[in-house]
Amino acid sequence: MKKIFILLLVIPFFSFSQTKKKVETPVQNGFVITGDVTGFPNGTAVSFLNDQTGQPEKQTTIENGKFVIKGQMPQPSFKVLIFGDQPPGVPLFLDNSNIKISGDKNAIDKLSITGSPSHAQYME
């Protein structure tokens, strides 16, 4: 009887000492938005608005007509890209892809957006 009692007392200690190694899921690369938009002066702010709050997220500036925004999305999401904190905004479905945006300030509604499967599906 004593042996069974001791065995039952020791078993929980063995179970706690058997810890599983945590398997970390690999982090996705994230997105990189590379822009080449002419007509804006150096230092013009470029950001995309949060779809729920309307506040700018991930902000950068244009230098020599080019800009880069990097980040990571847990899932594809609809964003609005704005230049110089003024309308019009450019609708964009953002996912973890390499996205290229090109165009001109005078035709901001006709920017070429390539590289995002989510955005291509949205445009169809």
PDB file of N, CA and C in Angstrom:
ATOM      1  N   MET A   1       0.817  -1.190   0.000  1.00  0.00           N
ATOM      2  CA  MET A   1       0.000   0.000   0.000  1.00  0.00           C
ATOM      3  C   MET A   1       0.868   1.264   0.000  1.00  0.00           C
ATOM      4  N   LYS A   2       1.958   1.230   0.806  1.00  0.00           N
ATOM      5  CA  LYS A   2       2.857   2.378   0.849  1.00  0.00           C
ATOM      6  C   LYS A   2       3.497   2.629  -0.519  1.00  0.00           C
ATOM      7  N   LYS A   3       3.854   1.555  -1.206  1.00  0.00           N
ATOM      8  CA  LYS A   3       4.497   1.687  -2.511  1.00  0.00           C
ATOM      9  C   LYS A   3       3.552   2.341  -3.521  1.00  0.00           C
ATOM     10  N   ILE A   4       2.301   1.964  -3.476  1.00  0.00           N
ATOM     11  CA  ILE A   4       1.310   2.550  -4.386  1.00  0.00           C
ATOM     12  C   ILE A   4       1.102   4.019  -4.053  1.00  0.00           C
ATOM     13  N   PHE A   5       1.048   4.349  -2.784  1.00  0.00           N
ATOM     14  CA  PHE A   5       0.888   5.752  -2.360  1.00  0.00           C
ATOM     15  C   PHE A   5       2.072   6.604  -2.818  1.00  0.00           C
ATOM     16  N   ILE A   6       3.283   6.086  -2.631  1.00  0.00           N
ATOM     17  CA  ILE A   6       4.490   6.813  -3.058  1.00  0.00           C
ATOM     18  C   ILE A   6       4.504   6.963  -4.585  1.00  0.00           C
ATOM     19  N   LEU A   7       4.133   5.915  -5.281  1.00  0.00           N
ATOM     20  CA  LEU A   7       4.078   5.980  -6.737  1.00  0.00           C
ATOM     21  C   LEU A   7       3.077   7.033  -7.203  1.00  0.00           C
ATOM     22  N   LEU A   8       1.906   7.070  -6.602  1.00  0.00           N
ATOM     23  CA  LEU A   8       0.906   8.074  -6.962  1.00  0.00           C
ATOM     24  C   LEU A   8       1.362   9.489  -6.600  1.00  0.00           C
ATOM     25  N   LEU A   9       2.164   9.607  -5.579  1.00  0.00           N
ATOM     26  CA  LEU A   9       2.690  10.902  -5.172  1.00  0.00           C
ATOM     27  C   LEU A   9       3.800  11.388  -6.118  1.00  0.00           C
ATOM     28  N   VAL A  10       4.571  10.488  -6.686  1.00  0.00           N
ATOM     29  CA  VAL A  10       5.713  10.828  -7.533  1.00  0.00           C
ATOM     30  C   VAL A  10       5.296  11.066  -8.995  1.00  0.00           C
ATOM     31  N   ILE A  11       4.251  10.426  -9.467  1.00  0.00           N
ATOM     32  CA  ILE A  11       3.828  10.545 -10.870  1.00  0.00           C
ATOM     33  C   ILE A  11       3.600  12.002 -11.296  1.00  0.00           C
ATOM     34  N   PRO A  12       2.947  12.850 -10.500  1.00  0.00           N
ATOM     35  CA  PRO A  12       2.778  14.243 -10.941  1.00  0.00           C
ATOM     36  C   PRO A  12       4.099  14.991 -11.148  1.00  0.00           C
ATOM     37  N   PHE A  13       5.101  14.677 -10.358  1.00  0.00           N
ATOM     38  CA  PHE A  13       6.397  15.329 -10.539  1.00  0.00           C
ATOM     39  C   PHE A  13       7.018  14.960 -11.879  1.00  0.00           C
ATOM     40  N   PHE A  14       6.857  13.716 -12.291  1.00  0.00           N
ATOM     41  CA  PHE A  14       7.382  13.296 -13.589  1.00  0.00           C
ATOM     42  C   PHE A  14       6.627  13.958 -14.740  1.00  0.00           C
ATOM     43  N   SER A  15       5.351  14.140 -14.569  1.00  0.00           N
ATOM     44  CA  SER A  15       4.563  14.755 -15.648  1.00  0.00           C
ATOM     45  C   SER A  15       4.915  16.239 -15.802  1.00  0.00           C
ATOM     46  N   PHE A  16       5.211  16.932 -14.699  1.00  0.00           N
ATOM     47  CA  PHE A  16       5.598  18.341 -14.809  1.00  0.00           C
ATOM     48  C   PHE A  16       6.997  18.501 -15.383  1.00  0.00           C
ATOM     49  N   SER A  17       7.833  17.511 -15.190  1.00  0.00           N
ATOM     50  CA  SER A  17       9.187  17.624 -15.726  1.00  0.00           C
ATOM     51  C   SER A  17       9.230  17.348 -17.225  1.00  0.00           C
ATOM     52  N   GLN A  18       8.161  16.820 -17.780  1.00  0.00           N
ATOM     53  CA  GLN A  18       8.074  16.533 -19.206  1.00  0.00           C
ATOM     54  C   GLN A  18       7.459  17.731 -19.923  1.00  0.00           C
ATOM     55  N   THR A  19       8.260  18.713 -20.230  1.00  0.00           N
ATOM     56  CA  THR A  19       7.734  19.893 -20.917  1.00  0.00           C
ATOM     57  C   THR A  19       7.949  19.762 -22.408  1.00  0.00           C
ATOM     58  N   LYS A  20       6.993  20.258 -23.143  1.00  0.00           N
ATOM     59  CA  LYS A  20       7.103  20.253 -24.597  1.00  0.00           C
ATOM     60  C   LYS A  20       7.878  21.467 -25.048  1.00  0.00           C
ATOM     61  N   LYS A  21       8.660  21.277 -26.063  1.00  0.00           N
ATOM     62  CA  LYS A  21       9.318  22.416 -26.671  1.00  0.00           C
ATOM     63  C   LYS A  21       8.284  23.196 -27.450  1.00  0.00           C
ATOM     64  N   LYS A  22       8.297  24.501 -27.273  1.00  0.00           N
ATOM     65  CA  LYS A  22       7.357  25.322 -28.024  1.00  0.00           C
ATOM     66  C   LYS A  22       7.847  25.434 -29.460  1.00  0.00           C
ATOM     67  N   VAL A  23       6.967  25.128 -30.361  1.00  0.00           N
ATOM     68  CA  VAL A  23       7.291  25.246 -31.772  1.00  0.00           C
ATOM     69  C   VAL A  23       6.851  26.624 -32.220  1.00  0.00           C
ATOM     70  N   GLU A  24       7.814  27.423 -32.609  1.00  0.00           N
ATOM     71  CA  GLU A  24       7.489  28.774 -33.061  1.00  0.00           C
ATOM     72  C   GLU A  24       7.148  28.745 -34.539  1.00  0.00           C
ATOM     73  N   THR A  25       6.069  29.395 -34.863  1.00  0.00           N
ATOM     74  CA  THR A  25       5.688  29.473 -36.263  1.00  0.00           C
ATOM     75  C   THR A  25       6.568  30.502 -36.948  1.00  0.00           C
ATOM     76  N   PRO A  26       6.987  30.246 -38.156  1.00  0.00           N
ATOM     77  CA  PRO A  26       7.842  31.209 -38.840  1.00  0.00           C
ATOM     78  C   PRO A  26       7.082  32.504 -39.115  1.00  0.00           C
ATOM     79  N   VAL A  27       7.766  33.588 -38.935  1.00  0.00           N
ATOM     80  CA  VAL A  27       7.163  34.897 -39.157  1.00  0.00           C
ATOM     81  C   VAL A  27       7.126  35.163 -40.661  1.00  0.00           C
ATOM     82  N   GLN A  28       5.983  35.650 -41.117  1.00  0.00           N
ATOM     83  CA  GLN A  28       5.880  35.991 -42.531  1.00  0.00           C
ATOM     84  C   GLN A  28       6.745  37.207 -42.803  1.00  0.00           C
ATOM     85  N   ASN A  29       7.197  37.296 -44.030  1.00  0.00           N
ATOM     86  CA  ASN A  29       8.092  38.387 -44.391  1.00  0.00           C
ATOM     87  C   ASN A  29       7.454  39.748 -44.222  1.00  0.00           C
ATOM     88  N   GLY A  30       6.175  39.858 -44.450  1.00  0.00           N
ATOM     89  CA  GLY A  30       5.501  41.141 -44.365  1.00  0.00           C
ATOM     90  C   GLY A  30       5.375  41.779 -45.738  1.00  0.00           C
ATOM     91  N   PHE A  31       4.948  43.034 -45.741  1.00  0.00           N
ATOM     92  CA  PHE A  31       4.769  43.730 -47.010  1.00  0.00           C
ATOM     93  C   PHE A  31       5.831  44.810 -47.166  1.00  0.00           C
ATOM     94  N   VAL A  32       6.104  45.115 -48.417  1.00  0.00           N
ATOM     95  CA  VAL A  32       6.979  46.225 -48.777  1.00  0.00           C
ATOM     96  C   VAL A  32       6.282  46.968 -49.901  1.00  0.00           C
ATOM     97  N   ILE A  33       5.924  48.219 -49.646  1.00  0.00           N
ATOM     98  CA  ILE A  33       5.312  49.051 -50.677  1.00  0.00           C
ATOM     99  C   ILE A  33       6.405  49.963 -51.212  1.00  0.00           C
ATOM    100  N   THR A  34       6.712  49.815 -52.489  1.00  0.00           N
ATOM    101  CA  THR A  34       7.712  50.651 -53.143  1.00  0.00           C
ATOM    102  C   THR A  34       6.986  51.561 -54.106  1.00  0.00           C
ATOM    103  N   GLY A  35       7.130  52.857 -53.904  1.00  0.00           N
ATOM    104  CA  GLY A  35       6.410  53.809 -54.738  1.00  0.00           C
ATOM    105  C   GLY A  35       7.326  54.662 -55.584  1.00  0.00           C
ATOM    106  N   ASP A  36       6.857  54.964 -56.772  1.00  0.00           N
ATOM    107  CA  ASP A  36       7.540  55.869 -57.698  1.00  0.00           C
ATOM    108  C   ASP A  36       6.463  56.777 -58.276  1.00  0.00           C
ATOM    109  N   VAL A  37       6.185  57.858 -57.550  1.00  0.00           N
ATOM    110  CA  VAL A  37       5.103  58.771 -57.919  1.00  0.00           C
ATOM    111  C   VAL A  37       5.707  60.153 -58.161  1.00  0.00           C
ATOM    112  N   THR A  38       5.570  60.646 -59.383  1.00  0.00           N
ATOM    113  CA  THR A  38       6.155  61.940 -59.747  1.00  0.00           C
ATOM    114  C   THR A  38       5.185  63.085 -59.452  1.00  0.00           C
ATOM    115  N   GLY A  39       5.749  64.280 -59.332  1.00  0.00           N
ATOM    116  CA  GLY A  39       4.938  65.471 -59.164  1.00  0.00           C
ATOM    117  C   GLY A  39       4.839  65.976 -57.733  1.00  0.00           C
ATOM    118  N   PHE A  40       5.259  65.205 -56.760  1.00  0.00           N
ATOM    119  CA  PHE A  40       5.219  65.632 -55.363  1.00  0.00           C
ATOM    120  C   PHE A  40       6.584  66.167 -54.948  1.00  0.00           C
ATOM    121  N   PRO A  41       6.610  67.232 -54.149  1.00  0.00           N
ATOM    122  CA  PRO A  41       7.899  67.740 -53.669  1.00  0.00           C
ATOM    123  C   PRO A  41       8.505  66.801 -52.618  1.00  0.00           C
ATOM    124  N   ASN A  42       9.827  66.885 -52.441  1.00  0.00           N
ATOM    125  CA  ASN A  42      10.492  66.091 -51.407  1.00  0.00           C
ATOM    126  C   ASN A  42       9.908  66.436 -50.042  1.00  0.00           C
ATOM    127  N   GLY A  43       9.742  65.418 -49.217  1.00  0.00           N
ATOM    128  CA  GLY A  43       9.203  65.618 -47.883  1.00  0.00           C
ATOM    129  C   GLY A  43       7.693  65.475 -47.779  1.00  0.00           C
ATOM    130  N   THR A  44       7.012  65.218 -48.896  1.00  0.00           N
ATOM    131  CA  THR A  44       5.560  65.014 -48.862  1.00  0.00           C
ATOM    132  C   THR A  44       5.255  63.715 -48.112  1.00  0.00           C
ATOM    133  N   ALA A  45       4.350  63.780 -47.155  1.00  0.00           N
ATOM    134  CA  ALA A  45       3.991  62.604 -46.348  1.00  0.00           C
ATOM    135  C   ALA A  45       3.200  61.598 -47.170  1.00  0.00           C
ATOM    136  N   VAL A  46       3.499  60.326 -46.955  1.00  0.00           N
ATOM    137  CA  VAL A  46       2.763  59.220 -47.570  1.00  0.00           C
ATOM    138  C   VAL A  46       2.393  58.274 -46.436  1.00  0.00           C
ATOM    139  N   SER A  47       1.110  57.953 -46.339  1.00  0.00           N
ATOM    140  CA  SER A  47       0.674  57.036 -45.292  1.00  0.00           C
ATOM    141  C   SER A  47      -0.599  56.346 -45.734  1.00  0.00           C
ATOM    142  N   PHE A  48      -0.996  55.329 -45.000  1.00  0.00           N
ATOM    143  CA  PHE A  48      -2.305  54.751 -45.261  1.00  0.00           C
ATOM    144  C   PHE A  48      -3.128  54.840 -43.995  1.00  0.00           C
ATOM    145  N   LEU A  49      -4.416  55.031 -44.207  1.00  0.00           N
ATOM    146  CA  LEU A  49      -5.331  55.259 -43.094  1.00  0.00           C
ATOM    147  C   LEU A  49      -5.832  53.942 -42.534  1.00  0.00           C
ATOM    148  N   ASN A  50      -5.984  53.897 -41.241  1.00  0.00           N
ATOM    149  CA  ASN A  50      -6.593  52.754 -40.586  1.00  0.00           C
ATOM    150  C   ASN A  50      -8.058  52.716 -41.000  1.00  0.00           C
ATOM    151  N   ASP A  51      -8.544  51.546 -41.392  1.00  0.00           N
ATOM    152  CA  ASP A  51      -9.922  51.440 -41.875  1.00  0.00           C
ATOM    153  C   ASP A  51     -10.961  51.626 -40.781  1.00  0.00           C
ATOM    154  N   GLN A  52     -10.584  51.531 -39.516  1.00  0.00           N
ATOM    155  CA  GLN A  52     -11.551  51.698 -38.434  1.00  0.00           C
ATOM    156  C   GLN A  52     -11.482  53.081 -37.790  1.00  0.00           C
ATOM    157  N   THR A  53     -10.258  53.610 -37.628  1.00  0.00           N
ATOM    158  CA  THR A  53     -10.123  54.882 -36.920  1.00  0.00           C
ATOM    159  C   THR A  53      -9.954  56.082 -37.845  1.00  0.00           C
ATOM    160  N   GLY A  54      -9.497  55.858 -39.073  1.00  0.00           N
ATOM    161  CA  GLY A  54      -9.264  56.957 -39.997  1.00  0.00           C
ATOM    162  C   GLY A  54      -7.966  57.697 -39.728  1.00  0.00           C
ATOM    163  N   GLN A  55      -7.156  57.191 -38.807  1.00  0.00           N
ATOM    164  CA  GLN A  55      -5.884  57.820 -38.474  1.00  0.00           C
ATOM    165  C   GLN A  55      -4.758  57.229 -39.333  1.00  0.00           C
ATOM    166  N   PRO A  56      -3.753  58.043 -39.673  1.00  0.00           N
ATOM    167  CA  PRO A  56      -2.633  57.523 -40.477  1.00  0.00           C
ATOM    168  C   PRO A  56      -1.837  56.456 -39.731  1.00  0.00           C
ATOM    169  N   GLU A  57      -1.460  55.419 -40.458  1.00  0.00           N
ATOM    170  CA  GLU A  57      -0.559  54.368 -39.985  1.00  0.00           C
ATOM    171  C   GLU A  57       0.666  54.403 -40.886  1.00  0.00           C
ATOM    172  N   LYS A  58       1.713  53.771 -40.512  1.00  0.00           N
ATOM    173  CA  LYS A  58       2.902  53.570 -41.353  1.00  0.00           C
ATOM    174  C   LYS A  58       3.194  54.765 -42.257  1.00  0.00           C
ATOM    175  N   GLN A  59       3.736  55.784 -41.718  1.00  0.00           N
ATOM    176  CA  GLN A  59       3.975  56.995 -42.497  1.00  0.00           C
ATOM    177  C   GLN A  59       5.437  57.096 -42.917  1.00  0.00           C
ATOM    178  N   THR A  60       5.659  57.628 -44.106  1.00  0.00           N
ATOM    179  CA  THR A  60       6.988  57.896 -44.640  1.00  0.00           C
ATOM    180  C   THR A  60       6.906  59.171 -45.469  1.00  0.00           C
ATOM    181  N   THR A  61       7.979  59.537 -46.095  1.00  0.00           N
ATOM    182  CA  THR A  61       7.983  60.729 -46.948  1.00  0.00           C
ATOM    183  C   THR A  61       8.545  60.388 -48.321  1.00  0.00           C
ATOM    184  N   ILE A  62       8.179  61.220 -49.279  1.00  0.00           N
ATOM    185  CA  ILE A  62       8.675  61.057 -50.644  1.00  0.00           C
ATOM    186  C   ILE A  62      10.012  61.777 -50.770  1.00  0.00           C
ATOM    187  N   GLU A  63      11.010  61.081 -51.311  1.00  0.00           N
ATOM    188  CA  GLU A  63      12.307  61.681 -51.607  1.00  0.00           C
ATOM    189  C   GLU A  63      12.642  61.366 -53.060  1.00  0.00           C
ATOM    190  N   ASN A  64      12.798  62.408 -53.854  1.00  0.00           N
ATOM    191  CA  ASN A  64      13.103  62.263 -55.291  1.00  0.00           C
ATOM    192  C   ASN A  64      12.071  61.407 -56.013  1.00  0.00           C
ATOM    193  N   GLY A  65      10.813  61.553 -55.638  1.00  0.00           N
ATOM    194  CA  GLY A  65       9.722  60.842 -56.302  1.00  0.00           C
ATOM    195  C   GLY A  65       9.544  59.407 -55.864  1.00  0.00           C
ATOM    196  N   LYS A  66      10.290  58.952 -54.852  1.00  0.00           N
ATOM    197  CA  LYS A  66      10.227  57.557 -54.418  1.00  0.00           C
ATOM    198  C   LYS A  66       9.939  57.474 -52.923  1.00  0.00           C
ATOM    199  N   PHE A  67       9.288  56.384 -52.518  1.00  0.00           N
ATOM    200  CA  PHE A  67       9.040  56.116 -51.108  1.00  0.00           C
ATOM    201  C   PHE A  67       8.954  54.617 -50.881  1.00  0.00           C
ATOM    202  N   VAL A  68       9.152  54.212 -49.628  1.00  0.00           N
ATOM    203  CA  VAL A  68       9.057  52.801 -49.240  1.00  0.00           C
ATOM    204  C   VAL A  68       8.343  52.736 -47.893  1.00  0.00           C
ATOM    205  N   ILE A  69       7.350  51.860 -47.791  1.00  0.00           N
ATOM    206  CA  ILE A  69       6.656  51.582 -46.533  1.00  0.00           C
ATOM    207  C   ILE A  69       6.753  50.084 -46.289  1.00  0.00           C
ATOM    208  N   LYS A  70       7.231  49.701 -45.099  1.00  0.00           N
ATOM    209  CA  LYS A  70       7.358  48.285 -44.741  1.00  0.00           C
ATOM    210  C   LYS A  70       6.507  47.997 -43.522  1.00  0.00           C
ATOM    211  N   GLY A  71       6.018  46.775 -43.443  1.00  0.00           N
ATOM    212  CA  GLY A  71       5.217  46.367 -42.294  1.00  0.00           C
ATOM    213  C   GLY A  71       4.784  44.928 -42.425  1.00  0.00           C
ATOM    214  N   GLN A  72       3.857  44.533 -41.586  1.00  0.00           N
ATOM    215  CA  GLN A  72       3.356  43.163 -41.596  1.00  0.00           C
ATOM    216  C   GLN A  72       1.868  43.167 -41.298  1.00  0.00           C
ATOM    217  N   MET A  73       1.131  42.340 -42.016  1.00  0.00           N
ATOM    218  CA  MET A  73      -0.317  42.232 -41.847  1.00  0.00           C
ATOM    219  C   MET A  73      -0.653  40.799 -41.425  1.00  0.00           C
ATOM    220  N   PRO A  74      -1.458  40.631 -40.378  1.00  0.00           N
ATOM    221  CA  PRO A  74      -1.874  39.275 -40.010  1.00  0.00           C
ATOM    222  C   PRO A  74      -2.820  38.662 -41.041  1.00  0.00           C
ATOM    223  N   GLN A  75      -3.555  39.522 -41.747  1.00  0.00           N
ATOM    224  CA  GLN A  75      -4.463  39.075 -42.800  1.00  0.00           C
ATOM    225  C   GLN A  75      -4.666  40.239 -43.766  1.00  0.00           C
ATOM    226  N   PRO A  76      -5.045  39.957 -45.001  1.00  0.00           N
ATOM    227  CA  PRO A  76      -5.278  41.058 -45.941  1.00  0.00           C
ATOM    228  C   PRO A  76      -6.319  42.035 -45.404  1.00  0.00           C
ATOM    229  N   SER A  77      -6.084  43.305 -45.681  1.00  0.00           N
ATOM    230  CA  SER A  77      -6.972  44.334 -45.153  1.00  0.00           C
ATOM    231  C   SER A  77      -7.088  45.481 -46.151  1.00  0.00           C
ATOM    232  N   PHE A  78      -8.218  46.153 -46.116  1.00  0.00           N
ATOM    233  CA  PHE A  78      -8.461  47.297 -46.983  1.00  0.00           C
ATOM    234  C   PHE A  78      -7.873  48.552 -46.338  1.00  0.00           C
ATOM    235  N   LYS A  79      -7.063  49.277 -47.070  1.00  0.00           N
ATOM    236  CA  LYS A  79      -6.457  50.523 -46.597  1.00  0.00           C
ATOM    237  C   LYS A  79      -6.671  51.607 -47.644  1.00  0.00           C
ATOM    238  N   VAL A  80      -6.491  52.846 -47.219  1.00  0.00           N
ATOM    239  CA  VAL A  80      -6.554  53.979 -48.131  1.00  0.00           C
ATOM    240  C   VAL A  80      -5.209  54.692 -48.046  1.00  0.00           C
ATOM    241  N   LEU A  81      -4.530  54.798 -49.165  1.00  0.00           N
ATOM    242  CA  LEU A  81      -3.226  55.447 -49.253  1.00  0.00           C
ATOM    243  C   LEU A  81      -3.438  56.919 -49.556  1.00  0.00           C
ATOM    244  N   ILE A  82      -2.809  57.796 -48.773  1.00  0.00           N
ATOM    245  CA  ILE A  82      -2.963  59.231 -49.013  1.00  0.00           C
ATOM    246  C   ILE A  82      -1.588  59.878 -49.147  1.00  0.00           C
ATOM    247  N   PHE A  83      -1.541  60.904 -49.944  1.00  0.00           N
ATOM    248  CA  PHE A  83      -0.321  61.666 -50.184  1.00  0.00           C
ATOM    249  C   PHE A  83      -0.519  63.074 -49.643  1.00  0.00           C
ATOM    250  N   GLY A  84       0.405  63.536 -48.812  1.00  0.00           N
ATOM    251  CA  GLY A  84       0.331  64.897 -48.298  1.00  0.00           C
ATOM    252  C   GLY A  84      -0.830  65.139 -47.360  1.00  0.00           C
ATOM    253  N   ASP A  85      -1.364  64.110 -46.747  1.00  0.00           N
ATOM    254  CA  ASP A  85      -2.491  64.220 -45.806  1.00  0.00           C
ATOM    255  C   ASP A  85      -3.700  64.931 -46.397  1.00  0.00           C
ATOM    256  N   GLN A  86      -3.883  64.809 -47.716  1.00  0.00           N
ATOM    257  CA  GLN A  86      -5.025  65.441 -48.378  1.00  0.00           C
ATOM    258  C   GLN A  86      -5.683  64.443 -49.321  1.00  0.00           C
ATOM    259  N   PRO A  87      -6.992  64.558 -49.468  1.00  0.00           N
ATOM    260  CA  PRO A  87      -7.676  63.689 -50.434  1.00  0.00           C
ATOM    261  C   PRO A  87      -7.228  64.039 -51.852  1.00  0.00           C
ATOM    262  N   PRO A  88      -7.423  63.208 -52.805  1.00  0.00           N
ATOM    263  CA  PRO A  88      -8.145  61.938 -52.757  1.00  0.00           C
ATOM    264  C   PRO A  88      -7.248  60.822 -52.242  1.00  0.00           C
ATOM    265  N   GLY A  89      -7.876  59.817 -51.674  1.00  0.00           N
ATOM    266  CA  GLY A  89      -7.165  58.635 -51.220  1.00  0.00           C
ATOM    267  C   GLY A  89      -7.179  57.564 -52.302  1.00  0.00           C
ATOM    268  N   VAL A  90      -6.197  56.695 -52.238  1.00  0.00           N
ATOM    269  CA  VAL A  90      -6.089  55.603 -53.210  1.00  0.00           C
ATOM    270  C   VAL A  90      -6.464  54.311 -52.490  1.00  0.00           C
ATOM    271  N   PRO A  91      -7.577  53.651 -52.883  1.00  0.00           N
ATOM    272  CA  PRO A  91      -7.956  52.391 -52.226  1.00  0.00           C
ATOM    273  C   PRO A  91      -6.947  51.295 -52.539  1.00  0.00           C
ATOM    274  N   LEU A  92      -6.630  50.495 -51.514  1.00  0.00           N
ATOM    275  CA  LEU A  92      -5.602  49.472 -51.660  1.00  0.00           C
ATOM    276  C   LEU A  92      -5.929  48.296 -50.752  1.00  0.00           C
ATOM    277  N   PHE A  93      -5.962  47.086 -51.318  1.00  0.00           N
ATOM    278  CA  PHE A  93      -6.062  45.887 -50.507  1.00  0.00           C
ATOM    279  C   PHE A  93      -4.640  45.471 -50.206  1.00  0.00           C
ATOM    280  N   LEU A  94      -4.281  45.513 -48.942  1.00  0.00           N
ATOM    281  CA  LEU A  94      -2.907  45.291 -48.521  1.00  0.00           C
ATOM    282  C   LEU A  94      -2.752  43.899 -47.929  1.00  0.00           C
ATOM    283  N   ASP A  95      -1.742  43.174 -48.392  1.00  0.00           N
ATOM    284  CA  ASP A  95      -1.389  41.872 -47.837  1.00  0.00           C
ATOM    285  C   ASP A  95       0.137  41.794 -47.765  1.00  0.00           C
ATOM    286  N   ASN A  96       0.665  40.698 -47.260  1.00  0.00           N
ATOM    287  CA  ASN A  96       2.112  40.536 -47.118  1.00  0.00           C
ATOM    288  C   ASN A  96       2.727  40.181 -48.467  1.00  0.00           C
ATOM    289  N   SER A  97       2.944  41.215 -49.285  1.00  0.00           N
ATOM    290  CA  SER A  97       3.501  41.063 -50.626  1.00  0.00           C
ATOM    291  C   SER A  97       4.446  42.221 -50.904  1.00  0.00           C
ATOM    292  N   ASN A  98       5.176  42.097 -51.984  1.00  0.00           N
ATOM    293  CA  ASN A  98       5.973  43.211 -52.493  1.00  0.00           C
ATOM    294  C   ASN A  98       5.100  43.966 -53.484  1.00  0.00           C
ATOM    295  N   ILE A  99       4.712  45.167 -53.098  1.00  0.00           N
ATOM    296  CA  ILE A  99       3.757  45.950 -53.882  1.00  0.00           C
ATOM    297  C   ILE A  99       4.482  47.133 -54.508  1.00  0.00           C
ATOM    298  N   LYS A 100       4.210  47.370 -55.785  1.00  0.00           N
ATOM    299  CA  LYS A 100       4.794  48.507 -56.490  1.00  0.00           C
ATOM    300  C   LYS A 100       3.690  49.458 -56.919  1.00  0.00           C
ATOM    301  N   ILE A 101       3.908  50.729 -56.622  1.00  0.00           N
ATOM    302  CA  ILE A 101       2.953  51.767 -56.989  1.00  0.00           C
ATOM    303  C   ILE A 101       3.686  52.781 -57.848  1.00  0.00           C
ATOM    304  N   SER A 102       3.099  53.108 -58.986  1.00  0.00           N
ATOM    305  CA  SER A 102       3.727  54.110 -59.854  1.00  0.00           C
ATOM    306  C   SER A 102       2.652  54.964 -60.495  1.00  0.00           C
ATOM    307  N   GLY A 103       3.035  56.182 -60.812  1.00  0.00           N
ATOM    308  CA  GLY A 103       2.097  57.088 -61.443  1.00  0.00           C
ATOM    309  C   GLY A 103       2.508  58.532 -61.256  1.00  0.00           C
ATOM    310  N   ASP A 104       1.546  59.423 -61.430  1.00  0.00           N
ATOM    311  CA  ASP A 104       1.803  60.852 -61.368  1.00  0.00           C
ATOM    312  C   ASP A 104       0.785  61.527 -60.454  1.00  0.00           C
ATOM    313  N   LYS A 105       1.193  62.637 -59.856  1.00  0.00           N
ATOM    314  CA  LYS A 105       0.341  63.401 -58.941  1.00  0.00           C
ATOM    315  C   LYS A 105      -0.940  63.868 -59.630  1.00  0.00           C
ATOM    316  N   ASN A 106      -0.855  64.237 -60.886  1.00  0.00           N
ATOM    317  CA  ASN A 106      -2.009  64.766 -61.611  1.00  0.00           C
ATOM    318  C   ASN A 106      -3.036  63.697 -61.970  1.00  0.00           C
ATOM    319  N   ALA A 107      -2.643  62.433 -61.906  1.00  0.00           N
ATOM    320  CA  ALA A 107      -3.573  61.328 -62.190  1.00  0.00           C
ATOM    321  C   ALA A 107      -3.521  60.340 -61.026  1.00  0.00           C
ATOM    322  N   ILE A 108      -3.712  60.865 -59.821  1.00  0.00           N
ATOM    323  CA  ILE A 108      -3.587  60.055 -58.610  1.00  0.00           C
ATOM    324  C   ILE A 108      -4.606  58.919 -58.574  1.00  0.00           C
ATOM    325  N   ASP A 109      -5.754  59.098 -59.194  1.00  0.00           N
ATOM    326  CA  ASP A 109      -6.771  58.050 -59.213  1.00  0.00           C
ATOM    327  C   ASP A 109      -6.440  56.944 -60.212  1.00  0.00           C
ATOM    328  N   LYS A 110      -5.398  57.136 -61.027  1.00  0.00           N
ATOM    329  CA  LYS A 110      -5.016  56.129 -62.023  1.00  0.00           C
ATOM    330  C   LYS A 110      -3.636  55.547 -61.745  1.00  0.00           C
ATOM    331  N   LEU A 111      -3.242  55.490 -60.466  1.00  0.00           N
ATOM    332  CA  LEU A 111      -1.955  54.903 -60.109  1.00  0.00           C
ATOM    333  C   LEU A 111      -1.932  53.421 -60.475  1.00  0.00           C
ATOM    334  N   SER A 112      -0.779  52.952 -60.899  1.00  0.00           N
ATOM    335  CA  SER A 112      -0.595  51.535 -61.198  1.00  0.00           C
ATOM    336  C   SER A 112      -0.150  50.839 -59.908  1.00  0.00           C
ATOM    337  N   ILE A 113      -0.939  49.858 -59.461  1.00  0.00           N
ATOM    338  CA  ILE A 113      -0.631  49.101 -58.246  1.00  0.00           C
ATOM    339  C   ILE A 113      -0.495  47.640 -58.638  1.00  0.00           C
ATOM    340  N   THR A 114       0.716  47.078 -58.476  1.00  0.00           N
ATOM    341  CA  THR A 114       0.980  45.692 -58.869  1.00  0.00           C
ATOM    342  C   THR A 114       1.684  44.956 -57.733  1.00  0.00           C
ATOM    343  N   GLY A 115       1.590  43.623 -57.762  1.00  0.00           N
ATOM    344  CA  GLY A 115       2.315  42.778 -56.827  1.00  0.00           C
ATOM    345  C   GLY A 115       1.487  42.201 -55.699  1.00  0.00           C
ATOM    346  N   SER A 116       0.274  42.668 -55.511  1.00  0.00           N
ATOM    347  CA  SER A 116      -0.571  42.173 -54.427  1.00  0.00           C
ATOM    348  C   SER A 116      -1.700  41.318 -55.000  1.00  0.00           C
ATOM    349  N   PRO A 117      -1.717  40.028 -54.685  1.00  0.00           N
ATOM    350  CA  PRO A 117      -2.822  39.192 -55.176  1.00  0.00           C
ATOM    351  C   PRO A 117      -4.185  39.653 -54.660  1.00  0.00           C
ATOM    352  N   SER A 118      -4.231  40.125 -53.421  1.00  0.00           N
ATOM    353  CA  SER A 118      -5.500  40.606 -52.862  1.00  0.00           C
ATOM    354  C   SER A 118      -6.016  41.823 -53.606  1.00  0.00           C
ATOM    355  N   HIS A 119      -5.103  42.748 -53.948  1.00  0.00           N
ATOM    356  CA  HIS A 119      -5.515  43.950 -54.664  1.00  0.00           C
ATOM    357  C   HIS A 119      -5.954  43.619 -56.090  1.00  0.00           C
ATOM    358  N   ALA A 120      -5.247  42.696 -56.721  1.00  0.00           N
ATOM    359  CA  ALA A 120      -5.637  42.293 -58.079  1.00  0.00           C
ATOM    360  C   ALA A 120      -7.033  41.683 -58.076  1.00  0.00           C
ATOM    361  N   GLN A 121      -7.327  40.874 -57.073  1.00  0.00           N
ATOM    362  CA  GLN A 121      -8.656  40.268 -56.982  1.00  0.00           C
ATOM    363  C   GLN A 121      -9.708  41.355 -56.707  1.00  0.00           C
ATOM    364  N   TYR A 122      -9.382  42.344 -55.887  1.00  0.00           N
ATOM    365  CA  TYR A 122     -10.286  43.453 -55.593  1.00  0.00           C
ATOM    366  C   TYR A 122     -10.581  44.239 -56.868  1.00  0.00           C
ATOM    367  N   MET A 123      -9.584  44.468 -57.694  1.00  0.00           N
ATOM    368  CA  MET A 123      -9.767  45.245 -58.921  1.00  0.00           C
ATOM    369  C   MET A 123     -10.622  44.510 -59.950  1.00  0.00           C
ATOM    370  N   GLU A 124     -10.593  43.177 -59.928  1.00  0.00           N
ATOM    371  CA  GLU A 124     -11.423  42.410 -60.861  1.00  0.00           C
ATOM    372  C   GLU A 124     -12.866  42.584 -60.481  1.00  0.00           C
TER     373      GLU A 124
END
